[in-house]
Amino acid sequence: MKAWWFNEVSYAQNPDQRLPHMFEPDRPVSLEDLKKLGLLYWHVPTEDWEPQINIIAKERDYKSRDRISTTKEGFGDNYDSMLKMFFEEHFHEDEEIRYVLDGSGYFDVRDFKTDEWIRILAEPGDLLVVPAGIYHRFTLDEKNAVDVVRLFQVCISAHSIQQRD
């Protein structure tokens, strides 16, 4: 897992959300800084991943899960609209838990102190917990594919609350 401050100027100049949009020099964000925002992180190797994920799920009282592959082939004609929807700023009333099996993508979380975005690169083996109530968004990177396990505390729910201007 790698995290950095999102460069809004870079994004304004080239609004491809799949690009890293880093500052030069880079402005990294540490795992400790992410923890201060309430995010949790584990690295679980993708070989024989289920026993370790099951332990974490039991410890954190996650009751259900599913698996979703986000690819151009999988979404077909809906691909662009789905990417646009994932990238809309929103929050959930419950934690958002994602374990990356294959591919990669970016989770952007809004730092509530500075009101700036932090970009988190999620790659295979990364398990990320975004706390309830924090504004965030997701996008694929230039590889255009990610395969994730979504874990849920009660029932499977993708209900989100969109940011209002």
N, C-alpha and C. Protein backbone atom coordinates (compact mmCIF):
# COMPACT_ATOMS: atom_id res chain seq x y z
N MET A 1 0.85 -1.17 0.00
CA MET A 1 0.00 0.00 0.00
C MET A 1 0.89 1.23 0.00
N LYS A 2 0.52 2.16 -0.82
CA LYS A 2 1.23 3.43 -0.89
C LYS A 2 0.17 4.53 -0.92
N ALA A 3 0.44 5.62 -0.21
CA ALA A 3 -0.53 6.73 -0.16
C ALA A 3 0.21 8.06 -0.31
N TRP A 4 -0.48 9.03 -0.91
CA TRP A 4 0.10 10.35 -1.11
C TRP A 4 -1.02 11.38 -1.21
N TRP A 5 -0.63 12.66 -1.05
CA TRP A 5 -1.58 13.75 -1.24
C TRP A 5 -1.90 13.85 -2.72
N PHE A 6 -3.17 13.92 -3.03
CA PHE A 6 -3.66 14.01 -4.41
C PHE A 6 -3.40 15.41 -4.95
N ASN A 7 -2.83 15.49 -6.14
CA ASN A 7 -2.48 16.77 -6.75
C ASN A 7 -3.65 17.26 -7.62
N GLU A 8 -4.42 18.18 -7.09
CA GLU A 8 -5.59 18.72 -7.80
C GLU A 8 -5.19 19.48 -9.07
N VAL A 9 -4.03 20.13 -9.07
CA VAL A 9 -3.57 20.86 -10.25
C VAL A 9 -3.29 19.88 -11.38
N SER A 10 -2.62 18.79 -11.07
CA SER A 10 -2.35 17.75 -12.06
C SER A 10 -3.65 17.20 -12.63
N TYR A 11 -4.62 16.98 -11.75
CA TYR A 11 -5.92 16.45 -12.19
C TYR A 11 -6.66 17.46 -13.08
N ALA A 12 -6.58 18.74 -12.73
CA ALA A 12 -7.23 19.77 -13.54
C ALA A 12 -6.60 19.85 -14.93
N GLN A 13 -5.29 19.65 -15.01
CA GLN A 13 -4.59 19.71 -16.29
C GLN A 13 -4.85 18.46 -17.14
N ASN A 14 -5.02 17.33 -16.50
CA ASN A 14 -5.27 16.06 -17.20
C ASN A 14 -6.28 15.27 -16.38
N PRO A 15 -7.58 15.50 -16.61
CA PRO A 15 -8.61 14.93 -15.74
C PRO A 15 -8.90 13.44 -15.95
N ASP A 16 -7.86 12.66 -16.19
CA ASP A 16 -8.00 11.21 -16.24
C ASP A 16 -7.84 10.70 -14.81
N GLN A 17 -8.93 10.28 -14.20
CA GLN A 17 -8.92 9.87 -12.80
C GLN A 17 -8.04 8.65 -12.56
N ARG A 18 -7.69 7.91 -13.60
CA ARG A 18 -6.90 6.69 -13.47
C ARG A 18 -5.40 6.95 -13.33
N LEU A 19 -4.98 8.20 -13.49
CA LEU A 19 -3.57 8.55 -13.34
C LEU A 19 -3.24 8.78 -11.87
N PRO A 20 -1.96 8.66 -11.48
CA PRO A 20 -1.61 8.79 -10.05
C PRO A 20 -1.84 10.19 -9.47
N HIS A 21 -1.67 11.23 -10.27
CA HIS A 21 -1.82 12.62 -9.82
C HIS A 21 -1.05 12.88 -8.53
N MET A 22 0.27 12.63 -8.63
CA MET A 22 1.19 12.88 -7.51
C MET A 22 1.82 14.26 -7.66
N PHE A 23 2.25 14.80 -6.54
CA PHE A 23 3.08 16.01 -6.57
C PHE A 23 4.50 15.60 -6.95
N GLU A 24 5.27 16.55 -7.47
CA GLU A 24 6.69 16.32 -7.71
C GLU A 24 7.46 17.41 -6.99
N PRO A 25 8.25 17.10 -5.97
CA PRO A 25 8.44 15.75 -5.44
C PRO A 25 7.17 15.24 -4.75
N ASP A 26 7.11 13.93 -4.62
CA ASP A 26 5.97 13.26 -4.02
C ASP A 26 5.73 13.76 -2.59
N ARG A 27 4.46 13.79 -2.19
CA ARG A 27 4.09 14.14 -0.81
C ARG A 27 3.42 12.91 -0.20
N PRO A 28 4.24 11.96 0.30
CA PRO A 28 3.67 10.71 0.81
C PRO A 28 2.86 10.91 2.08
N VAL A 29 1.94 9.98 2.30
CA VAL A 29 1.13 9.93 3.51
C VAL A 29 1.42 8.58 4.16
N SER A 30 1.75 8.61 5.44
CA SER A 30 2.14 7.38 6.15
C SER A 30 0.91 6.59 6.60
N LEU A 31 1.14 5.33 6.91
CA LEU A 31 0.09 4.49 7.47
C LEU A 31 -0.40 5.08 8.79
N GLU A 32 0.50 5.64 9.57
CA GLU A 32 0.11 6.28 10.83
C GLU A 32 -0.86 7.44 10.58
N ASP A 33 -0.59 8.23 9.55
CA ASP A 33 -1.50 9.33 9.20
C ASP A 33 -2.87 8.80 8.79
N LEU A 34 -2.88 7.70 8.03
CA LEU A 34 -4.16 7.10 7.63
C LEU A 34 -4.92 6.58 8.85
N LYS A 35 -4.20 6.00 9.79
CA LYS A 35 -4.84 5.50 11.02
C LYS A 35 -5.49 6.63 11.80
N LYS A 36 -4.86 7.81 11.80
CA LYS A 36 -5.44 8.97 12.49
C LYS A 36 -6.78 9.37 11.89
N LEU A 37 -6.99 9.04 10.61
CA LEU A 37 -8.28 9.31 9.96
C LEU A 37 -9.27 8.17 10.18
N GLY A 38 -8.81 7.11 10.84
CA GLY A 38 -9.69 5.98 11.12
C GLY A 38 -9.55 4.81 10.16
N LEU A 39 -8.67 4.93 9.16
CA LEU A 39 -8.48 3.83 8.22
C LEU A 39 -7.66 2.72 8.86
N LEU A 40 -7.94 1.50 8.45
CA LEU A 40 -7.19 0.34 8.91
C LEU A 40 -6.61 -0.37 7.70
N TYR A 41 -5.47 -1.03 7.90
CA TYR A 41 -4.80 -1.69 6.78
C TYR A 41 -4.11 -2.96 7.26
N TRP A 42 -4.23 -4.00 6.45
CA TRP A 42 -3.48 -5.24 6.61
C TRP A 42 -2.94 -5.63 5.25
N HIS A 43 -1.79 -6.31 5.25
CA HIS A 43 -1.33 -6.96 4.02
C HIS A 43 -1.50 -8.46 4.23
N VAL A 44 -2.30 -9.08 3.38
CA VAL A 44 -2.57 -10.52 3.43
C VAL A 44 -2.18 -11.09 2.08
N PRO A 45 -1.11 -11.90 2.02
CA PRO A 45 -0.70 -12.47 0.73
C PRO A 45 -1.86 -13.19 0.04
N THR A 46 -1.92 -13.06 -1.27
CA THR A 46 -3.05 -13.61 -2.03
C THR A 46 -3.01 -15.13 -2.15
N GLU A 47 -1.84 -15.74 -1.92
CA GLU A 47 -1.81 -17.20 -1.92
C GLU A 47 -2.43 -17.66 -0.61
N ASP A 48 -3.40 -18.53 -0.68
CA ASP A 48 -4.05 -19.08 0.52
C ASP A 48 -4.54 -17.95 1.45
N TRP A 49 -5.25 -16.99 0.87
CA TRP A 49 -5.67 -15.79 1.60
C TRP A 49 -6.86 -16.02 2.52
N GLU A 50 -7.73 -16.97 2.20
CA GLU A 50 -9.00 -17.08 2.92
C GLU A 50 -8.86 -17.33 4.43
N PRO A 51 -7.97 -18.21 4.90
CA PRO A 51 -7.89 -18.39 6.36
C PRO A 51 -7.57 -17.09 7.11
N GLN A 52 -6.65 -16.29 6.59
CA GLN A 52 -6.30 -15.03 7.26
C GLN A 52 -7.45 -14.03 7.19
N ILE A 53 -8.11 -13.94 6.05
CA ILE A 53 -9.26 -13.04 5.92
C ILE A 53 -10.37 -13.50 6.85
N ASN A 54 -10.57 -14.80 6.99
CA ASN A 54 -11.59 -15.32 7.90
C ASN A 54 -11.30 -14.92 9.35
N ILE A 55 -10.03 -14.95 9.75
CA ILE A 55 -9.65 -14.55 11.11
C ILE A 55 -9.98 -13.07 11.33
N ILE A 56 -9.57 -12.23 10.39
CA ILE A 56 -9.85 -10.79 10.51
C ILE A 56 -11.36 -10.55 10.51
N ALA A 57 -12.08 -11.23 9.63
CA ALA A 57 -13.54 -11.07 9.55
C ALA A 57 -14.19 -11.44 10.87
N LYS A 58 -13.74 -12.52 11.48
CA LYS A 58 -14.32 -12.94 12.77
C LYS A 58 -13.99 -11.92 13.86
N GLU A 59 -12.73 -11.47 13.92
CA GLU A 59 -12.32 -10.49 14.93
C GLU A 59 -13.10 -9.18 14.80
N ARG A 60 -13.43 -8.78 13.58
CA ARG A 60 -14.10 -7.50 13.35
C ARG A 60 -15.60 -7.65 13.13
N ASP A 61 -16.09 -8.87 13.29
CA ASP A 61 -17.52 -9.16 13.21
C ASP A 61 -18.11 -8.87 11.83
N TYR A 62 -17.35 -9.19 10.77
CA TYR A 62 -17.87 -9.10 9.41
C TYR A 62 -18.65 -10.37 9.13
N LYS A 63 -19.89 -10.22 8.71
CA LYS A 63 -20.79 -11.35 8.60
C LYS A 63 -21.00 -11.87 7.18
N SER A 64 -20.72 -11.06 6.18
CA SER A 64 -20.93 -11.53 4.81
C SER A 64 -19.86 -10.94 3.91
N ARG A 65 -19.78 -11.51 2.72
CA ARG A 65 -18.81 -11.05 1.74
C ARG A 65 -19.26 -11.42 0.35
N ASP A 66 -18.70 -10.73 -0.62
CA ASP A 66 -18.88 -11.12 -2.01
C ASP A 66 -17.59 -10.78 -2.75
N ARG A 67 -17.57 -11.11 -4.00
CA ARG A 67 -16.38 -10.85 -4.82
C ARG A 67 -16.84 -10.13 -6.08
N ILE A 68 -16.13 -9.08 -6.43
CA ILE A 68 -16.52 -8.30 -7.60
C ILE A 68 -15.27 -8.01 -8.45
N SER A 69 -15.42 -8.23 -9.73
CA SER A 69 -14.36 -7.90 -10.68
C SER A 69 -14.80 -6.68 -11.47
N THR A 70 -13.99 -5.66 -11.43
CA THR A 70 -14.28 -4.43 -12.16
C THR A 70 -13.35 -4.39 -13.37
N THR A 71 -13.92 -4.66 -14.53
CA THR A 71 -13.16 -4.65 -15.78
C THR A 71 -14.04 -4.08 -16.89
N LYS A 72 -13.39 -3.62 -17.93
CA LYS A 72 -14.13 -3.11 -19.09
C LYS A 72 -14.96 -4.23 -19.71
N GLU A 73 -14.38 -5.42 -19.79
CA GLU A 73 -15.10 -6.56 -20.36
C GLU A 73 -16.31 -6.92 -19.49
N GLY A 74 -16.12 -6.89 -18.19
CA GLY A 74 -17.20 -7.27 -17.28
C GLY A 74 -18.37 -6.29 -17.27
N PHE A 75 -18.07 -4.99 -17.36
CA PHE A 75 -19.12 -3.98 -17.33
C PHE A 75 -19.64 -3.62 -18.71
N GLY A 76 -18.91 -3.99 -19.76
CA GLY A 76 -19.37 -3.75 -21.12
C GLY A 76 -19.68 -2.29 -21.38
N ASP A 77 -20.86 -2.03 -21.93
CA ASP A 77 -21.27 -0.66 -22.27
C ASP A 77 -21.44 0.22 -21.04
N ASN A 78 -21.57 -0.37 -19.85
CA ASN A 78 -21.75 0.40 -18.62
C ASN A 78 -20.43 0.80 -17.97
N TYR A 79 -19.31 0.41 -18.56
CA TYR A 79 -17.99 0.62 -17.95
C TYR A 79 -17.75 2.08 -17.58
N ASP A 80 -17.88 2.99 -18.53
CA ASP A 80 -17.60 4.41 -18.27
C ASP A 80 -18.53 4.99 -17.21
N SER A 81 -19.81 4.64 -17.27
CA SER A 81 -20.75 5.17 -16.28
C SER A 81 -20.49 4.59 -14.90
N MET A 82 -20.06 3.33 -14.83
CA MET A 82 -19.74 2.73 -13.53
C MET A 82 -18.50 3.39 -12.93
N LEU A 83 -17.47 3.61 -13.74
CA LEU A 83 -16.27 4.29 -13.23
C LEU A 83 -16.61 5.69 -12.74
N LYS A 84 -17.46 6.38 -13.48
CA LYS A 84 -17.88 7.73 -13.07
C LYS A 84 -18.62 7.67 -11.73
N MET A 85 -19.50 6.68 -11.58
CA MET A 85 -20.26 6.54 -10.34
C MET A 85 -19.33 6.23 -9.16
N PHE A 86 -18.38 5.30 -9.34
CA PHE A 86 -17.44 4.95 -8.27
C PHE A 86 -16.62 6.16 -7.84
N PHE A 87 -16.36 7.08 -8.78
CA PHE A 87 -15.49 8.22 -8.50
C PHE A 87 -16.24 9.40 -7.90
N GLU A 88 -17.55 9.30 -7.76
CA GLU A 88 -18.31 10.38 -7.10
C GLU A 88 -18.04 10.33 -5.60
N GLU A 89 -17.78 11.48 -5.04
CA GLU A 89 -17.52 11.58 -3.61
C GLU A 89 -18.76 11.16 -2.82
N HIS A 90 -18.56 10.26 -1.86
CA HIS A 90 -19.68 9.76 -1.06
C HIS A 90 -19.15 9.21 0.26
N PHE A 91 -20.06 8.86 1.16
CA PHE A 91 -19.67 8.12 2.36
C PHE A 91 -20.72 7.06 2.62
N HIS A 92 -20.36 6.12 3.47
CA HIS A 92 -21.27 5.05 3.86
C HIS A 92 -21.55 5.16 5.35
N GLU A 93 -22.68 4.63 5.76
CA GLU A 93 -23.02 4.61 7.18
C GLU A 93 -22.33 3.46 7.90
N ASP A 94 -21.72 2.55 7.16
CA ASP A 94 -20.94 1.44 7.71
C ASP A 94 -19.54 1.49 7.12
N GLU A 95 -18.63 0.73 7.71
CA GLU A 95 -17.29 0.63 7.15
C GLU A 95 -17.34 0.09 5.73
N GLU A 96 -16.38 0.50 4.93
CA GLU A 96 -16.19 -0.10 3.60
C GLU A 96 -14.91 -0.91 3.67
N ILE A 97 -15.03 -2.22 3.46
CA ILE A 97 -13.91 -3.13 3.60
C ILE A 97 -13.63 -3.78 2.26
N ARG A 98 -12.39 -3.65 1.78
CA ARG A 98 -12.02 -4.21 0.49
C ARG A 98 -10.68 -4.93 0.60
N TYR A 99 -10.65 -6.15 0.04
CA TYR A 99 -9.41 -6.92 -0.05
C TYR A 99 -9.11 -7.15 -1.53
N VAL A 100 -7.95 -6.71 -1.99
CA VAL A 100 -7.60 -6.80 -3.41
C VAL A 100 -6.92 -8.14 -3.69
N LEU A 101 -7.56 -8.90 -4.58
CA LEU A 101 -6.99 -10.18 -5.01
C LEU A 101 -6.11 -10.03 -6.24
N ASP A 102 -6.52 -9.18 -7.16
CA ASP A 102 -5.80 -9.02 -8.42
C ASP A 102 -6.08 -7.62 -8.96
N GLY A 103 -5.17 -7.13 -9.79
CA GLY A 103 -5.35 -5.80 -10.35
C GLY A 103 -5.02 -4.73 -9.32
N SER A 104 -5.48 -3.52 -9.57
CA SER A 104 -5.19 -2.42 -8.66
C SER A 104 -6.12 -1.25 -8.94
N GLY A 105 -6.18 -0.37 -7.98
CA GLY A 105 -7.01 0.82 -8.12
C GLY A 105 -6.68 1.81 -7.03
N TYR A 106 -7.33 2.95 -7.08
CA TYR A 106 -7.09 4.02 -6.11
C TYR A 106 -8.33 4.27 -5.26
N PHE A 107 -8.12 4.30 -3.96
CA PHE A 107 -9.11 4.83 -3.04
C PHE A 107 -8.65 6.23 -2.68
N ASP A 108 -9.50 7.21 -2.87
CA ASP A 108 -9.23 8.57 -2.42
C ASP A 108 -10.08 8.81 -1.18
N VAL A 109 -9.46 9.30 -0.11
CA VAL A 109 -10.19 9.63 1.11
C VAL A 109 -9.96 11.10 1.41
N ARG A 110 -11.00 11.76 1.87
CA ARG A 110 -10.90 13.19 2.17
C ARG A 110 -10.43 13.36 3.61
N ASP A 111 -9.33 14.08 3.77
CA ASP A 111 -8.83 14.41 5.09
C ASP A 111 -9.76 15.48 5.67
N PHE A 112 -10.45 15.14 6.74
CA PHE A 112 -11.45 16.07 7.29
C PHE A 112 -10.82 17.29 7.93
N LYS A 113 -9.51 17.26 8.22
CA LYS A 113 -8.85 18.42 8.81
C LYS A 113 -8.45 19.44 7.75
N THR A 114 -7.95 18.96 6.62
CA THR A 114 -7.46 19.87 5.57
C THR A 114 -8.43 19.99 4.41
N ASP A 115 -9.40 19.10 4.33
CA ASP A 115 -10.36 19.02 3.22
C ASP A 115 -9.66 18.70 1.90
N GLU A 116 -8.50 18.05 1.97
CA GLU A 116 -7.77 17.63 0.78
C GLU A 116 -7.89 16.12 0.61
N TRP A 117 -7.69 15.66 -0.63
CA TRP A 117 -7.75 14.23 -0.92
C TRP A 117 -6.40 13.57 -0.66
N ILE A 118 -6.48 12.37 -0.12
CA ILE A 118 -5.33 11.47 -0.02
C ILE A 118 -5.62 10.30 -0.95
N ARG A 119 -4.67 9.99 -1.82
CA ARG A 119 -4.84 8.89 -2.78
C ARG A 119 -4.10 7.66 -2.24
N ILE A 120 -4.80 6.52 -2.22
CA ILE A 120 -4.24 5.27 -1.73
C ILE A 120 -4.24 4.26 -2.87
N LEU A 121 -3.06 3.77 -3.22
CA LEU A 121 -2.95 2.73 -4.24
C LEU A 121 -3.18 1.38 -3.56
N ALA A 122 -4.22 0.68 -3.99
CA ALA A 122 -4.55 -0.64 -3.45
C ALA A 122 -4.16 -1.69 -4.48
N GLU A 123 -3.31 -2.63 -4.06
CA GLU A 123 -2.79 -3.67 -4.95
C GLU A 123 -3.04 -5.04 -4.33
N PRO A 124 -2.74 -6.13 -5.06
CA PRO A 124 -3.00 -7.46 -4.52
C PRO A 124 -2.39 -7.66 -3.13
N GLY A 125 -3.23 -8.19 -2.24
CA GLY A 125 -2.83 -8.43 -0.86
C GLY A 125 -3.22 -7.32 0.10
N ASP A 126 -3.66 -6.18 -0.41
CA ASP A 126 -4.04 -5.06 0.46
C ASP A 126 -5.48 -5.23 0.94
N LEU A 127 -5.66 -5.14 2.25
CA LEU A 127 -6.98 -5.13 2.88
C LEU A 127 -7.14 -3.76 3.53
N LEU A 128 -8.10 -3.00 3.06
CA LEU A 128 -8.31 -1.63 3.51
C LEU A 128 -9.70 -1.49 4.10
N VAL A 129 -9.77 -0.85 5.26
CA VAL A 129 -11.04 -0.53 5.90
C VAL A 129 -11.18 0.98 5.94
N VAL A 130 -12.17 1.49 5.22
CA VAL A 130 -12.50 2.91 5.23
C VAL A 130 -13.62 3.09 6.25
N PRO A 131 -13.42 3.93 7.27
CA PRO A 131 -14.42 4.04 8.33
C PRO A 131 -15.73 4.66 7.85
N ALA A 132 -16.78 4.35 8.57
CA ALA A 132 -18.08 4.96 8.29
C ALA A 132 -17.94 6.47 8.39
N GLY A 133 -18.65 7.17 7.51
CA GLY A 133 -18.73 8.62 7.62
C GLY A 133 -17.62 9.41 6.97
N ILE A 134 -16.60 8.76 6.42
CA ILE A 134 -15.52 9.51 5.77
C ILE A 134 -15.80 9.57 4.27
N TYR A 135 -15.70 10.76 3.72
CA TYR A 135 -15.91 10.91 2.28
C TYR A 135 -14.77 10.24 1.53
N HIS A 136 -15.14 9.51 0.50
CA HIS A 136 -14.16 8.79 -0.30
C HIS A 136 -14.70 8.57 -1.70
N ARG A 137 -13.84 8.02 -2.55
CA ARG A 137 -14.22 7.65 -3.91
C ARG A 137 -13.22 6.58 -4.36
N PHE A 138 -13.54 5.91 -5.45
CA PHE A 138 -12.68 4.84 -5.96
C PHE A 138 -12.56 4.97 -7.47
N THR A 139 -11.42 4.59 -7.98
CA THR A 139 -11.24 4.48 -9.42
C THR A 139 -10.21 3.42 -9.73
N LEU A 140 -10.33 2.84 -10.88
CA LEU A 140 -9.28 1.97 -11.37
C LEU A 140 -8.06 2.81 -11.70
N ASP A 141 -6.90 2.16 -11.80
CA ASP A 141 -5.73 2.84 -12.32
C ASP A 141 -5.61 2.52 -13.81
N GLU A 142 -4.47 2.76 -14.39
CA GLU A 142 -4.32 2.57 -15.84
C GLU A 142 -4.36 1.11 -16.27
N LYS A 143 -4.30 0.19 -15.33
CA LYS A 143 -4.41 -1.24 -15.66
C LYS A 143 -5.86 -1.61 -15.99
N ASN A 144 -6.80 -0.78 -15.56
CA ASN A 144 -8.23 -0.93 -15.90
C ASN A 144 -8.87 -2.21 -15.40
N ALA A 145 -8.38 -2.78 -14.31
CA ALA A 145 -9.00 -3.99 -13.79
C ALA A 145 -8.64 -4.17 -12.32
N VAL A 146 -9.63 -4.62 -11.54
CA VAL A 146 -9.37 -4.98 -10.16
C VAL A 146 -10.38 -6.06 -9.76
N ASP A 147 -9.91 -7.01 -8.98
CA ASP A 147 -10.73 -8.10 -8.46
C ASP A 147 -10.66 -8.00 -6.94
N VAL A 148 -11.78 -7.73 -6.30
CA VAL A 148 -11.78 -7.51 -4.85
C VAL A 148 -12.82 -8.39 -4.15
N VAL A 149 -12.52 -8.66 -2.88
CA VAL A 149 -13.49 -9.24 -1.97
C VAL A 149 -14.01 -8.09 -1.13
N ARG A 150 -15.33 -7.95 -1.11
CA ARG A 150 -15.97 -6.93 -0.27
C ARG A 150 -16.51 -7.64 0.96
N LEU A 151 -16.19 -7.11 2.13
CA LEU A 151 -16.69 -7.67 3.38
C LEU A 151 -17.68 -6.70 3.99
N PHE A 152 -18.68 -7.26 4.69
CA PHE A 152 -19.76 -6.44 5.24
C PHE A 152 -20.02 -6.83 6.69
N GLN A 153 -20.40 -5.85 7.50
CA GLN A 153 -20.65 -6.09 8.91
C GLN A 153 -21.97 -6.79 9.17
N VAL A 154 -22.98 -6.53 8.39
CA VAL A 154 -24.27 -7.16 8.62
C VAL A 154 -24.71 -7.87 7.36
N CYS A 155 -25.36 -7.15 6.49
CA CYS A 155 -25.80 -7.74 5.23
C CYS A 155 -25.07 -7.03 4.10
N ILE A 156 -25.07 -7.65 2.96
CA ILE A 156 -24.41 -7.03 1.81
C ILE A 156 -25.16 -5.75 1.46
N SER A 157 -24.41 -4.63 1.49
CA SER A 157 -25.03 -3.34 1.21
C SER A 157 -24.01 -2.43 0.55
N ALA A 158 -24.37 -1.90 -0.57
CA ALA A 158 -23.51 -0.93 -1.24
C ALA A 158 -24.13 0.46 -1.17
N HIS A 159 -25.06 0.66 -0.24
CA HIS A 159 -25.75 1.94 -0.11
C HIS A 159 -24.74 3.02 0.29
N SER A 160 -24.75 4.09 -0.44
CA SER A 160 -23.86 5.21 -0.14
C SER A 160 -24.66 6.50 -0.14
N ILE A 161 -24.08 7.50 0.49
CA ILE A 161 -24.70 8.82 0.56
C ILE A 161 -23.79 9.77 -0.20
N GLN A 162 -24.31 10.36 -1.27
CA GLN A 162 -23.52 11.21 -2.15
C GLN A 162 -23.25 12.56 -1.50
N GLN A 163 -22.10 13.13 -1.85
CA GLN A 163 -21.73 14.47 -1.40
C GLN A 163 -22.64 15.48 -2.09
N ARG A 164 -23.12 16.44 -1.37
CA ARG A 164 -23.95 17.51 -1.92
C ARG A 164 -23.13 18.78 -2.00
N ASP A 165 -23.29 19.53 -3.08
CA ASP A 165 -22.57 20.80 -3.24
C ASP A 165 -23.13 21.85 -2.32
